[in-house]
Structures are given as C-alpha cells and as structure tokens.
Amino acid sequence: MKRSSHVVAVAAASALALSAGPGSAREAVVADPNAKVEYSGTLSILTKFGLQQLSPYFVNVAKEYEKLHPGVKIELIQESDDSVKGKTKTLVASNSLPDIYFSWTGSWGENFVRGNRAVDLTKVVGPDTPWGKTLSPAAVKAFEYNGKLYGIPLYLDAKFMGYNKPAFEKAGVGVPATFEKLLEACDALRKGGTTPISLGNKEAWPAVHYAGQLLAYNVPTATLERDFDPARAKFDDPGYVASLAQFKALVDRCTDGAAVNGTSYASSLQAFSNADSAMYYQEIIEFDQAASADTKLKGADFGFFRLPPPAAAKGDVKAIEGAPEGYMINTASKKIPLAIDFMKFVTAPENARVLSAPPYGQPSAAIDGASEATMNPAVVAGLKDIASASYLMPWLDTANTPRVAAAWLSSLQALVGGTMTPEAVMAEVKKASAADAKRK
C-alpha cells in the first residue's frame, strides 16, 4: 500500500529534532508580562490558514496591525491542514522556525516543549492574567504541559456528521441514535441511489478521526489516556478491536469502500456540498464550506449530529472528537514581546468575531469572540454541543507520539483497503508504542 504524503509527514515528525539536536540545547524561556514591546522589525508567522477561503483572515489582521504600528512588518507563511506538518518539519530541521507557529495540542505540541522551542506563556496567558481571562479556560489548559502553559488557542474544533436533510427525508430515515441505526440508514440511502457518506482518505487522517470517536465510545477514558503514553501503554482493552471492526463496517456499508483511499478529503467535502452524498463527517470549522449560498447544498438543508455511539458502548458516550488549535512562540525569537502583542491583537474580540463568522466559520477560543447575530446558526448550535460534551477526544495523530501516530495512519488506511484486520492494526500500534517506550 502506498502511504499518503500526510502519513509520511507524520512519520517523519520523529526526525523533527524537537527533542534533540540544537533545540534541546536551548534554555527554557519564560514570557515576561512586563516586557516592553518594541514596535519595529519583521515578525514571522506560520499559520494553518493556507486554504483560499481562510487565507485572507491573517492577511487582513496583519495589515490592520501594520497600520497601527507602521514600524512592524508581518511575514506570513500560510499552509493548509495537510501541508503544515511537512513545512514545520522542514523549518525545524533547518533551525528556522518563525517567531510564531501553529501547533496542535497533545503529543505534537509537547514535542516543541520538550525541545525548548516553545516559550512558557503561563505568566501572560494563565487564568488569572488579563489576557487569560478573555480566553476559554479549557482551550488554554489544552496547551498545558508539566503544569505550565505554552500555547495560545485560536479556535475550537470538533467532529460532527453533516447530513443533507432532503436526502434523509427522501430515503425515509431520521437522525440515527445509535451506530447500528446509522448503518441501517446507510443501507436505506444506498438503496435509494444515494452515496450515504462521502469519505476521502487519501491523506489518511480522515479515517483516524472516525476511529478516535469510536474509541472514545468503546474504551474507558482513563485507559485511552494511559495508552497515549508509551511508557504505560498496553492497548489491551477489547474496545480497540471492537471500534476498528465498527469503522470497517461503516466503510463497507456507507462509503465507496477501499476506493476512498484514492480520494482526497477535499473531494469528499465537495461531493457533500454538491449534494452527491447524504453525509460527510466534518469538523465544525468546515460547516461554512459545506453549505452556503455558493454551494448546491444550502444552509437550510444542512443538518448535523454527533457520530452516534454503539448500543453496547463501554466508554464515554458523551465524549466528542475534537480539540482547540492554536499557536506557540519560538524561544529563539528576538521579538517575543512583539509576538505576544500581535497574538493579543489576533484574539481581541473584534478580530475573534470576524474569525467566527462566515466566510471563515472558525469558532474563536476568545470568550467574547462569537456573535450569534453574525455566525452561521449551525456553528452556534455546534458550539453548544461541544460545550455539553463530557470529554474532548484528541486527534489520534497528534495525541500520540509520532511513531504511534504513523502506525495509526498507515494501518487504518490498510484496514480501509482490506489488507489488514482490526487485530493486525492493533498489533502495529502496540509495536510502535513499545519501540517508543524502549527509546525513553
């Protein structure tokens, strides 16, 4: 099986030198809340807003900041969700990370902390600080490592099953309450001539998102979190194999089967927007792209629900797959106070509300960063659903170490393609985790 570029990028993350080489020789850097800001020179930023619909956000914010501070020049490096990992690897390998850079939570962010490449922001973004009080406490805490805070959350994210209401009505199916009912709904939709779920797994991570949600339902949370740590991991809970068997059943009954490994995630979103499929498992930050005035699927015809739990679930049925995403500041930066000042500007209520509203639809992590009057009603409802979740299940490819993440990605592609069984997938994951445990 040919692994996608995304899988290769994650597998190569072990070579990022985040915890070895020049980065580890640096001393820890703690942000000083009283440091004077020098409004001069160039400030470089690596974003994950490279898609055409998203890229204007940072461009416009940067222009506004430059107007306020004529001596400052903002240099943007804009990457997509699929390319930012490879770009980060390249920048770390050449020891040229920008002043501010995008990061996920979990093991991905921890690598920068371990390598002393992320500034300790506790004194400027902690819950009792003026800035910290303007941000979602849970989102800030997601970037906590060893009791200290290293990230600035920009937006909240979680996965939902978007669905085409008219397609459901035509097939005579309703919103399924259980995973088993979802499979039955797929059968009815397919019988009526509609592709039940559009899935593009060429990049490999879409499958990981399905698996992560099912794992949250079938494996106790404490067990999942233990297994994120190779030193303690066992991966012996029967819920792992059960979850993968459920996912394979969904692939076989609801999607185009093995062919999805040759389809991009962007194409699957487009199929849903074109009303060529009845469902698409998407992040809340994709709601505005899925249905709008410019797509065949209109906002009034768009609905969403959580991927429903199996009837015999033994994990947390109120958990949801998702995590805040944000930015870190490079310890090697010569402009740390300026970088902090710029991120305060980015997360200020007026800019946060722009981020939350169409056409961006990225729900801000700023407490006053959302206005229901300007936001997509579906995004507003999705945020309330996220707030009611008992646990946010982190993305498997960022919560785990790079080696384990790569094992999940490549093995799940093989499961989708029919060349690996659920048991074989777990054997590969265990093997990768054991190898990391020995390295530590």
Protein backbone atom coordinates (compact mmCIF):
# COMPACT_ATOMS: atom_id res chain seq x y z
CA MET A 1 0.00 0.00 0.00
CA LYS A 2 1.29 3.43 -0.91
CA ARG A 3 1.20 5.75 2.07
CA SER A 4 -0.01 9.28 1.53
CA SER A 5 2.18 12.33 1.87
CA HIS A 6 0.35 13.14 5.09
CA VAL A 7 1.34 9.83 6.62
CA VAL A 8 4.92 10.34 5.54
CA ALA A 9 4.92 13.81 7.08
CA VAL A 10 3.71 12.48 10.41
CA ALA A 11 6.11 9.55 10.33
CA ALA A 12 8.91 11.98 9.65
CA ALA A 13 7.92 14.02 12.67
CA SER A 14 10.26 11.85 14.73
CA ALA A 15 13.05 13.46 12.75
CA LEU A 16 11.91 16.99 13.57
CA ALA A 17 14.61 17.27 16.22
CA LEU A 18 12.05 18.77 18.56
CA SER A 19 13.54 16.93 21.50
CA ALA A 20 17.08 16.51 20.25
CA GLY A 21 19.79 18.43 18.48
CA PRO A 22 20.09 22.23 18.59
CA GLY A 23 16.63 22.75 20.10
CA SER A 24 17.34 20.71 23.23
CA ALA A 25 20.45 22.77 23.97
CA ARG A 26 18.35 25.89 24.49
CA GLU A 27 17.37 27.02 27.93
CA ALA A 28 13.73 27.37 28.88
CA VAL A 29 12.31 30.81 28.13
CA VAL A 30 9.58 32.34 30.28
CA ALA A 31 7.49 35.23 28.92
CA ASP A 32 7.69 38.40 30.98
CA PRO A 33 4.29 40.14 31.24
CA ASN A 34 6.05 43.44 31.93
CA ALA A 35 8.46 43.31 28.99
CA LYS A 36 8.48 46.41 26.80
CA VAL A 37 7.15 45.92 23.27
CA GLU A 38 9.38 47.28 20.54
CA TYR A 39 7.17 48.04 17.54
CA SER A 40 9.80 47.60 14.84
CA GLY A 41 11.22 44.99 12.50
CA THR A 42 9.74 41.86 10.94
CA LEU A 43 7.58 39.32 12.75
CA SER A 44 7.26 35.90 11.04
CA ILE A 45 4.25 33.60 11.45
CA LEU A 46 3.48 30.06 10.28
CA THR A 47 -0.31 29.61 10.01
CA LYS A 48 -2.65 26.75 9.10
CA PHE A 49 -4.86 29.08 7.06
CA GLY A 50 -3.44 28.30 3.63
CA LEU A 51 -6.77 27.35 2.04
CA GLN A 52 -8.17 30.01 -0.28
CA GLN A 53 -11.24 30.58 1.88
CA LEU A 54 -9.20 31.03 5.06
CA SER A 55 -6.01 32.80 3.96
CA PRO A 56 -7.46 36.35 3.92
CA TYR A 57 -8.03 36.25 7.69
CA PHE A 58 -4.38 36.50 8.74
CA VAL A 59 -3.60 38.72 5.74
CA ASN A 60 -6.21 41.24 6.86
CA VAL A 61 -5.31 41.05 10.55
CA ALA A 62 -1.64 41.56 9.68
CA LYS A 63 -2.48 44.64 7.57
CA GLU A 64 -4.51 46.15 10.41
CA TYR A 65 -1.69 45.54 12.87
CA GLU A 66 0.83 47.11 10.49
CA LYS A 67 -1.41 50.19 10.18
CA LEU A 68 -1.42 50.56 13.95
CA HIS A 69 2.33 50.00 14.12
CA PRO A 70 3.99 51.28 10.89
CA GLY A 71 7.41 50.11 12.04
CA VAL A 72 6.32 46.47 12.02
CA LYS A 73 6.22 44.13 9.02
CA ILE A 74 4.29 40.85 9.33
CA GLU A 75 5.67 37.97 7.25
CA LEU A 76 3.14 35.16 6.75
CA ILE A 77 3.86 31.54 5.85
CA GLN A 78 0.40 30.11 5.15
CA GLU A 79 -0.03 26.33 4.97
CA SER A 80 -3.03 24.00 4.78
CA ASP A 81 -4.06 21.33 7.26
CA ASP A 82 -2.37 18.76 5.06
CA SER A 83 0.90 20.62 4.41
CA VAL A 84 1.65 22.33 7.71
CA LYS A 85 3.28 19.26 9.26
CA GLY A 86 5.73 18.85 6.43
CA LYS A 87 6.51 22.57 6.45
CA THR A 88 7.06 22.51 10.21
CA LYS A 89 9.45 19.56 9.82
CA THR A 90 11.45 21.47 7.24
CA LEU A 91 11.63 24.63 9.36
CA VAL A 92 12.67 22.73 12.48
CA ALA A 93 15.27 20.71 10.60
CA SER A 94 16.85 23.95 9.33
CA ASN A 95 16.51 25.55 12.76
CA SER A 96 14.43 28.34 11.22
CA LEU A 97 11.05 28.17 12.93
CA PRO A 98 9.30 31.56 12.66
CA ASP A 99 8.57 33.77 15.66
CA ILE A 100 5.03 32.39 15.92
CA TYR A 101 3.99 28.97 14.65
CA PHE A 102 0.85 26.83 14.51
CA SER A 103 0.54 23.84 16.82
CA TRP A 104 -1.93 21.17 17.75
CA THR A 105 -2.34 20.09 21.35
CA GLY A 106 -1.25 16.69 22.67
CA SER A 107 2.00 14.99 21.75
CA TRP A 108 2.58 17.32 18.78
CA GLY A 109 2.75 20.40 20.99
CA GLU A 110 4.63 18.53 23.70
CA ASN A 111 7.48 17.89 21.26
CA PHE A 112 8.12 21.64 21.00
CA VAL A 113 8.01 21.99 24.78
CA ARG A 114 10.40 19.08 25.29
CA GLY A 115 12.79 20.58 22.76
CA ASN A 116 12.66 24.01 24.47
CA ARG A 117 11.26 25.57 21.31
CA ALA A 118 8.08 26.93 22.92
CA VAL A 119 8.02 29.94 25.25
CA ASP A 120 6.44 29.39 28.67
CA LEU A 121 3.42 31.70 28.48
CA THR A 122 1.98 30.96 31.92
CA LYS A 123 2.56 34.48 33.25
CA VAL A 124 0.84 36.13 30.28
CA VAL A 125 -1.96 33.72 29.38
CA GLY A 126 -2.70 31.99 32.70
CA PRO A 127 -6.30 32.00 34.02
CA ASP A 128 -5.64 34.89 36.41
CA THR A 129 -3.95 37.15 33.86
CA PRO A 130 -5.79 39.93 31.97
CA TRP A 131 -5.30 38.14 28.64
CA GLY A 132 -6.06 34.70 30.03
CA LYS A 133 -9.40 35.91 31.38
CA THR A 134 -10.50 36.69 27.79
CA LEU A 135 -9.89 33.13 26.56
CA SER A 136 -11.74 29.85 27.11
CA PRO A 137 -10.10 28.28 30.21
CA ALA A 138 -10.46 24.74 28.79
CA ALA A 139 -8.88 25.79 25.50
CA VAL A 140 -5.91 27.38 27.26
CA LYS A 141 -5.47 24.36 29.52
CA ALA A 142 -5.29 22.08 26.48
CA PHE A 143 -1.82 23.57 25.87
CA GLU A 144 -0.64 22.79 29.40
CA TYR A 145 2.46 20.67 29.82
CA ASN A 146 4.14 19.91 33.14
CA GLY A 147 1.86 22.39 34.85
CA LYS A 148 2.82 25.28 32.55
CA LEU A 149 1.05 26.90 29.60
CA TYR A 150 2.74 27.05 26.21
CA GLY A 151 0.05 27.79 23.63
CA ILE A 152 -2.42 30.44 22.58
CA PRO A 153 -5.69 28.79 21.49
CA LEU A 154 -7.19 30.44 18.42
CA TYR A 155 -10.32 28.39 17.76
CA LEU A 156 -12.32 25.41 18.98
CA ASP A 157 -12.86 22.34 16.83
CA ALA A 158 -14.77 19.06 16.94
CA LYS A 159 -16.19 16.46 14.54
CA PHE A 160 -19.83 16.10 13.54
CA MET A 161 -21.67 14.14 10.90
CA GLY A 162 -23.12 16.69 8.50
CA TYR A 163 -26.19 15.50 6.63
CA ASN A 164 -28.43 16.50 3.75
CA LYS A 165 -31.94 16.88 5.20
CA PRO A 166 -33.82 16.41 1.89
CA ALA A 167 -31.80 13.25 1.17
CA PHE A 168 -32.76 11.83 4.55
CA GLU A 169 -36.41 12.70 4.00
CA LYS A 170 -36.41 11.10 0.56
CA ALA A 171 -34.93 7.89 1.97
CA GLY A 172 -37.35 7.91 4.88
CA VAL A 173 -34.64 7.92 7.55
CA GLY A 174 -34.16 10.09 10.60
CA VAL A 175 -31.16 11.14 12.64
CA PRO A 176 -29.76 7.84 14.00
CA ALA A 177 -29.47 7.49 17.76
CA THR A 178 -27.00 4.58 17.66
CA PHE A 179 -24.17 3.45 15.44
CA GLU A 180 -26.21 0.44 14.40
CA LYS A 181 -29.04 2.75 13.28
CA LEU A 182 -26.51 4.77 11.29
CA LEU A 183 -25.55 1.65 9.35
CA GLU A 184 -29.22 0.93 8.69
CA ALA A 185 -29.70 4.49 7.46
CA CYS A 186 -26.77 3.97 5.08
CA ASP A 187 -28.45 0.86 3.68
CA ALA A 188 -31.66 2.80 3.04
CA LEU A 189 -29.86 5.71 1.41
CA ARG A 190 -27.84 3.44 -0.84
CA LYS A 191 -30.98 1.53 -1.85
CA GLY A 192 -32.44 4.87 -2.96
CA GLY A 193 -29.44 5.54 -5.18
CA THR A 194 -27.55 7.97 -2.92
CA THR A 195 -23.98 7.58 -1.69
CA PRO A 196 -24.55 7.52 2.09
CA ILE A 197 -21.24 9.02 3.26
CA SER A 198 -18.55 10.68 1.17
CA LEU A 199 -15.17 9.78 2.62
CA GLY A 200 -11.81 10.81 1.19
CA ASN A 201 -8.93 9.06 2.93
CA LYS A 202 -6.06 9.74 0.56
CA GLU A 203 -4.43 11.87 3.27
CA ALA A 204 -5.08 9.14 5.89
CA TRP A 205 -6.15 11.38 8.78
CA PRO A 206 -9.92 11.30 7.99
CA ALA A 207 -10.01 7.61 8.98
CA VAL A 208 -8.19 8.45 12.18
CA HIS A 209 -10.98 10.83 13.14
CA TYR A 210 -13.63 8.15 12.78
CA ALA A 211 -11.52 5.72 14.78
CA GLY A 212 -10.86 8.27 17.51
CA GLN A 213 -14.55 8.95 18.09
CA LEU A 214 -15.38 5.25 18.18
CA LEU A 215 -12.50 4.61 20.59
CA ALA A 216 -13.88 7.27 22.93
CA TYR A 217 -17.18 5.37 22.92
CA ASN A 218 -15.74 1.89 23.37
CA VAL A 219 -12.66 2.37 25.57
CA PRO A 220 -12.73 3.99 29.03
CA THR A 221 -11.21 7.47 29.02
CA ALA A 222 -8.62 6.62 31.68
CA THR A 223 -7.44 3.69 29.56
CA LEU A 224 -7.16 5.83 26.43
CA GLU A 225 -5.10 8.46 28.24
CA ARG A 226 -2.83 5.78 29.75
CA ASP A 227 -2.22 4.37 26.29
CA PHE A 228 -1.21 7.77 24.89
CA ASP A 229 1.97 7.35 26.98
CA PRO A 230 4.27 4.62 25.55
CA ALA A 231 5.82 4.11 28.98
CA ARG A 232 2.44 2.96 30.35
CA ALA A 233 0.57 1.86 27.23
CA LYS A 234 -0.93 -1.62 26.96
CA PHE A 235 -3.57 -1.30 24.20
CA ASP A 236 -5.21 -4.41 25.62
CA ASP A 237 -8.78 -3.18 26.03
CA PRO A 238 -11.18 -5.14 23.76
CA GLY A 239 -12.81 -1.82 22.83
CA TYR A 240 -9.93 -1.09 20.46
CA VAL A 241 -10.63 -4.03 18.18
CA ALA A 242 -14.39 -3.51 18.51
CA SER A 243 -14.03 0.13 17.40
CA LEU A 244 -11.99 -0.81 14.34
CA ALA A 245 -14.47 -3.51 13.38
CA GLN A 246 -17.26 -0.93 13.61
CA PHE A 247 -15.31 1.51 11.47
CA LYS A 248 -14.69 -1.16 8.82
CA ALA A 249 -18.43 -1.90 8.77
CA LEU A 250 -19.10 1.80 8.19
CA VAL A 251 -16.57 1.90 5.34
CA ASP A 252 -18.13 -1.14 3.69
CA ARG A 253 -21.79 -0.18 4.12
CA CYS A 254 -21.72 3.62 3.97
CA THR A 255 -18.87 4.70 1.67
CA ASP A 256 -17.21 3.77 -1.62
CA GLY A 257 -15.14 1.16 0.23
CA ALA A 258 -11.45 0.71 -0.50
CA ALA A 259 -11.67 3.34 -3.24
CA VAL A 260 -11.79 6.09 -0.60
CA ASN A 261 -8.03 5.67 -0.11
CA GLY A 262 -7.61 7.23 -3.54
CA THR A 263 -9.99 10.13 -2.89
CA SER A 264 -8.94 13.38 -1.22
CA TYR A 265 -10.76 14.78 1.79
CA ALA A 266 -11.42 17.98 -0.21
CA SER A 267 -13.18 15.94 -2.89
CA SER A 268 -15.38 14.25 -0.31
CA LEU A 269 -16.39 17.61 1.13
CA GLN A 270 -17.14 18.82 -2.39
CA ALA A 271 -19.31 15.76 -3.05
CA PHE A 272 -21.36 16.57 0.02
CA SER A 273 -21.63 20.26 -0.90
CA ASN A 274 -22.76 19.23 -4.39
CA ALA A 275 -25.49 17.03 -2.84
CA ASP A 276 -23.85 13.94 -4.34
CA SER A 277 -23.70 12.29 -0.93
CA ALA A 278 -26.05 12.33 2.03
CA MET A 279 -23.42 12.69 4.77
CA TYR A 280 -19.90 13.90 5.39
CA TYR A 281 -18.02 13.59 8.71
CA GLN A 282 -16.62 17.06 9.18
CA GLU A 283 -15.07 19.46 11.61
CA ILE A 284 -17.20 22.34 12.85
CA ILE A 285 -14.71 24.65 11.16
CA GLU A 286 -15.92 23.19 7.83
CA PHE A 287 -19.60 23.97 8.31
CA ASP A 288 -19.40 27.23 6.38
CA GLN A 289 -17.68 25.46 3.49
CA ALA A 290 -20.14 22.57 3.38
CA ALA A 291 -23.32 24.57 2.86
CA SER A 292 -23.64 28.17 1.78
CA ALA A 293 -25.22 30.44 -0.82
CA ASP A 294 -22.49 29.33 -3.23
CA THR A 295 -23.00 25.57 -2.88
CA LYS A 296 -25.74 23.29 -4.19
CA LEU A 297 -26.43 22.20 -0.61
CA LYS A 298 -27.95 25.27 1.05
CA GLY A 299 -27.78 26.18 4.69
CA ALA A 300 -31.45 25.39 5.25
CA ASP A 301 -30.86 21.83 4.02
CA PHE A 302 -27.79 21.22 6.21
CA GLY A 303 -28.04 19.36 9.47
CA PHE A 304 -25.55 17.71 11.78
CA PHE A 305 -25.32 15.18 14.58
CA ARG A 306 -22.59 13.50 16.54
CA LEU A 307 -21.35 10.21 15.19
CA PRO A 308 -23.72 8.06 17.29
CA PRO A 309 -22.36 5.60 19.87
CA PRO A 310 -22.73 1.83 19.54
CA ALA A 311 -25.54 0.37 21.64
CA ALA A 312 -23.07 -1.64 23.75
CA ALA A 313 -20.53 1.17 24.21
CA LYS A 314 -18.44 0.80 27.37
CA GLY A 315 -16.60 4.12 27.17
CA ASP A 316 -17.90 7.69 27.39
CA VAL A 317 -20.94 8.11 25.14
CA LYS A 318 -20.97 11.87 25.78
CA ALA A 319 -17.41 12.37 24.54
CA ILE A 320 -16.72 14.07 21.22
CA GLU A 321 -13.69 14.01 18.95
CA GLY A 322 -12.03 17.41 18.91
CA ALA A 323 -9.53 19.82 20.35
CA PRO A 324 -8.67 23.52 20.28
CA GLU A 325 -5.89 24.53 17.91
CA GLY A 326 -3.55 27.45 18.31
CA TYR A 327 -0.09 28.95 18.23
CA MET A 328 3.21 28.84 20.09
CA ILE A 329 6.04 31.35 20.28
CA ASN A 330 9.57 30.35 19.37
CA THR A 331 12.10 30.52 22.20
CA ALA A 332 14.73 31.59 19.63
CA SER A 333 12.69 34.63 18.62
CA LYS A 334 14.26 38.03 19.19
CA LYS A 335 10.80 39.58 19.31
CA ILE A 336 8.91 37.64 21.97
CA PRO A 337 7.12 40.69 23.46
CA LEU A 338 6.03 41.77 19.96
CA ALA A 339 4.87 38.24 19.14
CA ILE A 340 2.74 38.19 22.29
CA ASP A 341 1.33 41.61 21.49
CA PHE A 342 0.37 40.51 17.97
CA MET A 343 -1.40 37.39 19.25
CA LYS A 344 -3.31 39.52 21.76
CA PHE A 345 -4.44 41.57 18.76
CA VAL A 346 -5.42 38.44 16.81
CA THR A 347 -7.54 37.13 19.70
CA ALA A 348 -9.11 40.50 20.59
CA PRO A 349 -12.95 40.34 20.47
CA GLU A 350 -13.31 42.36 17.26
CA ASN A 351 -10.96 40.09 15.33
CA ALA A 352 -12.23 36.94 17.04
CA ARG A 353 -15.79 37.69 15.92
CA VAL A 354 -14.63 38.04 12.33
CA LEU A 355 -12.94 34.65 12.63
CA SER A 356 -16.11 33.03 13.99
CA ALA A 357 -18.41 34.40 11.29
CA PRO A 358 -18.72 33.49 7.59
CA PRO A 359 -16.78 33.05 5.40
CA TYR A 360 -14.25 31.73 7.93
CA GLY A 361 -16.52 29.96 10.42
CA GLN A 362 -13.69 29.14 12.83
CA PRO A 363 -15.26 29.30 16.33
CA SER A 364 -12.96 31.55 18.32
CA ALA A 365 -11.48 30.47 21.64
CA ALA A 366 -11.96 34.04 22.86
CA ILE A 367 -14.80 34.25 25.38
CA ASP A 368 -16.33 37.28 23.63
CA GLY A 369 -15.25 36.08 20.20
CA ALA A 370 -18.60 34.86 18.96
CA SER A 371 -21.74 36.76 18.00
CA GLU A 372 -24.79 34.66 17.21
CA ALA A 373 -26.10 37.55 15.13
CA THR A 374 -23.28 37.17 12.60
CA MET A 375 -22.47 33.46 12.84
CA ASN A 376 -23.81 30.50 10.91
CA PRO A 377 -26.65 29.10 13.10
CA ALA A 378 -25.23 25.60 12.62
CA VAL A 379 -21.88 26.71 14.04
CA VAL A 380 -23.64 28.31 17.01
CA ALA A 381 -25.53 25.07 17.67
CA GLY A 382 -22.35 23.04 17.22
CA LEU A 383 -20.53 25.14 19.81
CA LYS A 384 -23.32 24.48 22.31
CA ASP A 385 -23.00 20.77 21.58
CA ILE A 386 -19.25 20.93 22.18
CA ALA A 387 -19.84 22.76 25.46
CA SER A 388 -22.10 19.90 26.61
CA ALA A 389 -19.51 17.21 25.86
CA SER A 390 -18.08 15.36 28.84
CA TYR A 391 -14.68 14.86 27.20
CA LEU A 392 -12.85 16.08 24.11
CA MET A 393 -11.18 13.09 22.48
CA PRO A 394 -7.94 14.42 20.94
CA TRP A 395 -6.92 13.60 17.37
CA LEU A 396 -5.05 10.28 17.44
CA ASP A 397 -2.35 11.58 15.09
CA THR A 398 -1.45 14.47 17.41
CA ALA A 399 -2.23 12.96 20.83
CA ASN A 400 0.17 10.07 20.26
CA THR A 401 3.91 10.11 19.71
CA PRO A 402 4.97 10.47 16.03
CA ARG A 403 5.84 6.79 15.66
CA VAL A 404 2.49 5.65 17.11
CA ALA A 405 0.61 8.28 15.10
CA ALA A 406 2.23 6.99 11.90
CA ALA A 407 1.21 3.45 12.82
CA TRP A 408 -2.40 4.51 13.28
CA LEU A 409 -2.45 6.40 9.99
CA SER A 410 -0.89 3.78 7.75
CA SER A 411 -2.60 0.81 9.40
CA LEU A 412 -6.05 2.38 9.24
CA GLN A 413 -5.53 3.01 5.53
CA ALA A 414 -4.73 -0.68 5.19
CA LEU A 415 -7.85 -1.58 7.18
CA VAL A 416 -9.94 0.57 4.85
CA GLY A 417 -8.28 -1.06 1.85
CA GLY A 418 -8.99 -4.55 3.18
CA THR A 419 -5.36 -5.62 3.60
CA MET A 420 -5.28 -5.54 7.42
CA THR A 421 -7.68 -6.77 10.10
CA PRO A 422 -8.56 -4.82 13.25
CA GLU A 423 -6.33 -7.18 15.22
CA ALA A 424 -3.42 -6.57 12.84
CA VAL A 425 -3.88 -2.81 13.14
CA MET A 426 -3.64 -3.00 16.92
CA ALA A 427 -0.56 -5.20 16.66
CA GLU A 428 1.17 -2.49 14.60
CA VAL A 429 0.12 0.23 17.06
CA LYS A 430 1.41 -1.82 20.01
CA LYS A 431 4.68 -2.46 18.20
CA ALA A 432 5.21 1.24 17.54
CA SER A 433 4.36 2.15 21.13
CA ALA A 434 6.73 -0.48 22.51
CA ALA A 435 9.53 0.87 20.32
CA ASP A 436 8.95 4.36 21.70
CA ALA A 437 8.87 3.03 25.25
CA LYS A 438 12.32 1.49 24.74
CA ARG A 439 13.71 4.77 23.39
CA LYS A 440 12.63 6.53 26.57
